[in-house]
Amino acid sequence: MADKSKDSPEMSPERALGLLSEVRNRLSTVAWALHGMHHESEPPGPDDLAAVEQLVSDTIEGPLHEACAALGTLLGLDADDANLTRH
């Protein structure tokens, strides 16, 4: 049995891609929720906005964070590196 090296990714590329797909699905849900709120006759209430905020926060802290860390390892990059280009 082959030993795993310290530099081997903790997560398979398939799992990282699956997490990114989950992020895409969640963001699609957020977009549809905001679209629906935009077409309501009354403005969204605090509970509506809190639900959207919670979904976005959970997505960022959960699957997006995990996928970024895994892809960083796979690519030999640090996702939190200040030298990476951000927009």
N, C-alpha and C. Protein backbone atom coordinates (compact mmCIF):
# COMPACT_ATOMS: atom_id res chain seq x y z
N MET A 1 0.84 -1.18 0.00
CA MET A 1 0.00 0.00 0.00
C MET A 1 0.88 1.24 0.00
N ALA A 2 0.60 2.17 -0.85
CA ALA A 2 1.39 3.39 -0.96
C ALA A 2 1.07 4.34 0.18
N ASP A 3 2.12 5.00 0.70
CA ASP A 3 1.92 5.99 1.76
C ASP A 3 1.50 7.30 1.14
N LYS A 4 0.63 7.99 1.85
CA LYS A 4 0.23 9.32 1.40
C LYS A 4 1.28 10.31 1.90
N SER A 5 1.73 11.18 1.04
CA SER A 5 2.70 12.19 1.46
C SER A 5 1.98 13.32 2.16
N LYS A 6 2.77 14.12 2.88
CA LYS A 6 2.18 15.26 3.58
C LYS A 6 1.52 16.25 2.62
N ASP A 7 2.04 16.33 1.40
CA ASP A 7 1.54 17.30 0.44
C ASP A 7 0.33 16.81 -0.34
N SER A 8 -0.10 15.59 -0.09
CA SER A 8 -1.26 15.08 -0.83
C SER A 8 -2.51 15.80 -0.38
N PRO A 9 -3.42 16.04 -1.29
CA PRO A 9 -4.64 16.77 -0.93
C PRO A 9 -5.47 15.97 0.07
N GLU A 10 -6.09 16.69 0.99
CA GLU A 10 -6.95 16.06 1.98
C GLU A 10 -8.27 15.65 1.36
N MET A 11 -8.57 16.20 0.22
CA MET A 11 -9.86 15.98 -0.43
C MET A 11 -9.61 15.64 -1.89
N SER A 12 -10.40 14.74 -2.42
CA SER A 12 -10.24 14.37 -3.82
C SER A 12 -10.71 15.50 -4.72
N PRO A 13 -10.18 15.58 -5.93
CA PRO A 13 -10.64 16.59 -6.88
C PRO A 13 -12.14 16.46 -7.15
N GLU A 14 -12.64 15.23 -7.16
CA GLU A 14 -14.06 15.01 -7.39
C GLU A 14 -14.90 15.63 -6.28
N ARG A 15 -14.43 15.47 -5.05
CA ARG A 15 -15.15 16.04 -3.91
C ARG A 15 -15.12 17.58 -3.98
N ALA A 16 -13.96 18.14 -4.32
CA ALA A 16 -13.85 19.60 -4.45
C ALA A 16 -14.79 20.12 -5.53
N LEU A 17 -14.85 19.41 -6.65
CA LEU A 17 -15.75 19.81 -7.72
C LEU A 17 -17.21 19.69 -7.27
N GLY A 18 -17.51 18.64 -6.51
CA GLY A 18 -18.85 18.48 -5.97
C GLY A 18 -19.23 19.63 -5.05
N LEU A 19 -18.27 20.10 -4.24
CA LEU A 19 -18.54 21.24 -3.35
C LEU A 19 -18.78 22.51 -4.15
N LEU A 20 -18.00 22.71 -5.21
CA LEU A 20 -18.23 23.88 -6.06
C LEU A 20 -19.59 23.82 -6.74
N SER A 21 -20.01 22.64 -7.11
CA SER A 21 -21.35 22.48 -7.68
C SER A 21 -22.42 22.83 -6.65
N GLU A 22 -22.19 22.42 -5.41
CA GLU A 22 -23.13 22.77 -4.34
C GLU A 22 -23.19 24.29 -4.14
N VAL A 23 -22.04 24.94 -4.19
CA VAL A 23 -22.00 26.40 -4.07
C VAL A 23 -22.81 27.03 -5.20
N ARG A 24 -22.60 26.54 -6.42
CA ARG A 24 -23.33 27.07 -7.57
C ARG A 24 -24.84 26.92 -7.36
N ASN A 25 -25.26 25.75 -6.88
CA ASN A 25 -26.68 25.52 -6.65
C ASN A 25 -27.24 26.44 -5.57
N ARG A 26 -26.48 26.62 -4.51
CA ARG A 26 -26.94 27.50 -3.44
C ARG A 26 -27.05 28.95 -3.91
N LEU A 27 -26.06 29.39 -4.68
CA LEU A 27 -26.10 30.76 -5.19
C LEU A 27 -27.24 30.95 -6.19
N SER A 28 -27.55 29.91 -6.93
CA SER A 28 -28.71 29.95 -7.82
C SER A 28 -29.99 30.12 -7.00
N THR A 29 -30.07 29.41 -5.88
CA THR A 29 -31.23 29.55 -4.99
C THR A 29 -31.33 30.98 -4.46
N VAL A 30 -30.21 31.55 -4.08
CA VAL A 30 -30.20 32.94 -3.59
C VAL A 30 -30.68 33.88 -4.68
N ALA A 31 -30.18 33.69 -5.90
CA ALA A 31 -30.59 34.56 -7.01
C ALA A 31 -32.09 34.46 -7.25
N TRP A 32 -32.64 33.25 -7.23
CA TRP A 32 -34.08 33.09 -7.43
C TRP A 32 -34.86 33.70 -6.27
N ALA A 33 -34.36 33.57 -5.06
CA ALA A 33 -35.04 34.17 -3.90
C ALA A 33 -35.07 35.69 -4.03
N LEU A 34 -33.94 36.27 -4.39
CA LEU A 34 -33.89 37.73 -4.57
C LEU A 34 -34.77 38.17 -5.73
N HIS A 35 -34.79 37.38 -6.79
CA HIS A 35 -35.65 37.68 -7.92
C HIS A 35 -37.12 37.67 -7.49
N GLY A 36 -37.48 36.66 -6.71
CA GLY A 36 -38.86 36.58 -6.22
C GLY A 36 -39.21 37.74 -5.31
N MET A 37 -38.27 38.12 -4.45
CA MET A 37 -38.51 39.25 -3.55
C MET A 37 -38.69 40.54 -4.34
N HIS A 38 -37.95 40.66 -5.42
CA HIS A 38 -38.03 41.86 -6.26
C HIS A 38 -39.41 42.02 -6.88
N HIS A 39 -40.07 40.90 -7.16
CA HIS A 39 -41.37 40.95 -7.82
C HIS A 39 -42.55 40.92 -6.85
N GLU A 40 -42.28 40.85 -5.55
CA GLU A 40 -43.35 40.88 -4.57
C GLU A 40 -43.93 42.30 -4.49
N SER A 41 -45.20 42.38 -4.14
CA SER A 41 -45.84 43.70 -4.02
C SER A 41 -45.35 44.44 -2.78
N GLU A 42 -44.86 43.70 -1.79
CA GLU A 42 -44.32 44.32 -0.58
C GLU A 42 -42.83 44.04 -0.49
N PRO A 43 -42.09 44.95 0.10
CA PRO A 43 -40.64 44.71 0.22
C PRO A 43 -40.37 43.50 1.11
N PRO A 44 -39.22 42.87 0.91
CA PRO A 44 -38.89 41.73 1.76
C PRO A 44 -38.77 42.15 3.22
N GLY A 45 -39.22 41.27 4.09
CA GLY A 45 -39.14 41.56 5.51
C GLY A 45 -37.81 41.13 6.09
N PRO A 46 -37.61 41.46 7.35
CA PRO A 46 -36.35 41.10 8.00
C PRO A 46 -36.09 39.58 8.00
N ASP A 47 -37.15 38.79 8.15
CA ASP A 47 -36.97 37.33 8.14
C ASP A 47 -36.52 36.83 6.77
N ASP A 48 -37.06 37.44 5.70
CA ASP A 48 -36.67 37.06 4.35
C ASP A 48 -35.19 37.36 4.11
N LEU A 49 -34.78 38.56 4.49
CA LEU A 49 -33.39 38.95 4.30
C LEU A 49 -32.46 38.13 5.19
N ALA A 50 -32.89 37.82 6.40
CA ALA A 50 -32.08 37.01 7.29
C ALA A 50 -31.88 35.60 6.73
N ALA A 51 -32.91 35.05 6.10
CA ALA A 51 -32.80 33.71 5.51
C ALA A 51 -31.80 33.71 4.35
N VAL A 52 -31.85 34.75 3.51
CA VAL A 52 -30.90 34.84 2.40
C VAL A 52 -29.49 35.04 2.94
N GLU A 53 -29.35 35.92 3.92
CA GLU A 53 -28.04 36.15 4.53
C GLU A 53 -27.47 34.86 5.12
N GLN A 54 -28.31 34.10 5.80
CA GLN A 54 -27.86 32.85 6.41
C GLN A 54 -27.40 31.85 5.35
N LEU A 55 -28.15 31.74 4.26
CA LEU A 55 -27.77 30.82 3.19
C LEU A 55 -26.43 31.20 2.58
N VAL A 56 -26.24 32.50 2.34
CA VAL A 56 -24.97 32.96 1.77
C VAL A 56 -23.83 32.71 2.76
N SER A 57 -24.03 33.04 4.02
CA SER A 57 -22.99 32.83 5.03
C SER A 57 -22.63 31.36 5.17
N ASP A 58 -23.65 30.50 5.23
CA ASP A 58 -23.40 29.06 5.33
C ASP A 58 -22.65 28.53 4.12
N THR A 59 -22.96 29.08 2.95
CA THR A 59 -22.29 28.66 1.71
C THR A 59 -20.82 29.07 1.73
N ILE A 60 -20.55 30.29 2.15
CA ILE A 60 -19.18 30.79 2.20
C ILE A 60 -18.35 30.02 3.22
N GLU A 61 -18.91 29.84 4.40
CA GLU A 61 -18.18 29.19 5.49
C GLU A 61 -18.10 27.68 5.32
N GLY A 62 -18.99 27.09 4.55
CA GLY A 62 -19.03 25.64 4.39
C GLY A 62 -18.38 25.18 3.12
N PRO A 63 -19.18 24.86 2.10
CA PRO A 63 -18.62 24.23 0.90
C PRO A 63 -17.65 25.12 0.12
N LEU A 64 -17.85 26.42 0.11
CA LEU A 64 -16.92 27.27 -0.65
C LEU A 64 -15.55 27.30 0.03
N HIS A 65 -15.53 27.42 1.34
CA HIS A 65 -14.27 27.41 2.08
C HIS A 65 -13.54 26.09 1.89
N GLU A 66 -14.27 24.98 2.02
CA GLU A 66 -13.67 23.65 1.86
C GLU A 66 -13.13 23.45 0.45
N ALA A 67 -13.89 23.87 -0.54
CA ALA A 67 -13.46 23.71 -1.93
C ALA A 67 -12.23 24.57 -2.23
N CYS A 68 -12.20 25.78 -1.73
CA CYS A 68 -11.03 26.66 -1.95
C CYS A 68 -9.78 26.06 -1.31
N ALA A 69 -9.93 25.55 -0.10
CA ALA A 69 -8.78 24.94 0.59
C ALA A 69 -8.28 23.73 -0.18
N ALA A 70 -9.19 22.88 -0.64
CA ALA A 70 -8.81 21.68 -1.38
C ALA A 70 -8.15 22.03 -2.71
N LEU A 71 -8.73 22.98 -3.43
CA LEU A 71 -8.15 23.37 -4.71
C LEU A 71 -6.81 24.06 -4.53
N GLY A 72 -6.69 24.83 -3.46
CA GLY A 72 -5.39 25.45 -3.16
C GLY A 72 -4.31 24.40 -2.96
N THR A 73 -4.67 23.34 -2.22
CA THR A 73 -3.73 22.24 -2.00
C THR A 73 -3.40 21.55 -3.31
N LEU A 74 -4.42 21.28 -4.11
CA LEU A 74 -4.20 20.60 -5.39
C LEU A 74 -3.31 21.42 -6.33
N LEU A 75 -3.46 22.73 -6.28
CA LEU A 75 -2.71 23.61 -7.17
C LEU A 75 -1.41 24.12 -6.55
N GLY A 76 -1.19 23.81 -5.29
CA GLY A 76 0.02 24.28 -4.61
C GLY A 76 -0.04 25.76 -4.28
N LEU A 77 -1.25 26.27 -4.06
CA LEU A 77 -1.43 27.68 -3.74
C LEU A 77 -2.14 27.82 -2.40
N ASP A 78 -1.95 28.96 -1.77
CA ASP A 78 -2.66 29.27 -0.53
C ASP A 78 -3.82 30.18 -0.89
N ALA A 79 -5.04 29.73 -0.65
CA ALA A 79 -6.25 30.49 -1.02
C ALA A 79 -6.31 31.82 -0.29
N ASP A 80 -5.63 31.94 0.85
CA ASP A 80 -5.64 33.19 1.62
C ASP A 80 -4.45 34.08 1.33
N ASP A 81 -3.64 33.71 0.35
CA ASP A 81 -2.46 34.47 -0.01
C ASP A 81 -2.85 35.87 -0.48
N ALA A 82 -2.26 36.87 0.10
CA ALA A 82 -2.57 38.26 -0.25
C ALA A 82 -2.14 38.61 -1.67
N ASN A 83 -1.25 37.82 -2.26
CA ASN A 83 -0.75 38.11 -3.61
C ASN A 83 -1.70 37.62 -4.71
N LEU A 84 -2.72 36.83 -4.35
CA LEU A 84 -3.67 36.38 -5.36
C LEU A 84 -4.55 37.54 -5.79
N THR A 85 -4.87 37.60 -7.07
CA THR A 85 -5.70 38.68 -7.61
C THR A 85 -7.14 38.49 -7.15
N ARG A 86 -7.71 39.54 -6.62
CA ARG A 86 -9.11 39.53 -6.20
C ARG A 86 -9.81 40.74 -6.81
N HIS A 87 -11.07 40.58 -7.07
CA HIS A 87 -11.84 41.70 -7.64
C HIS A 87 -12.92 42.12 -6.68
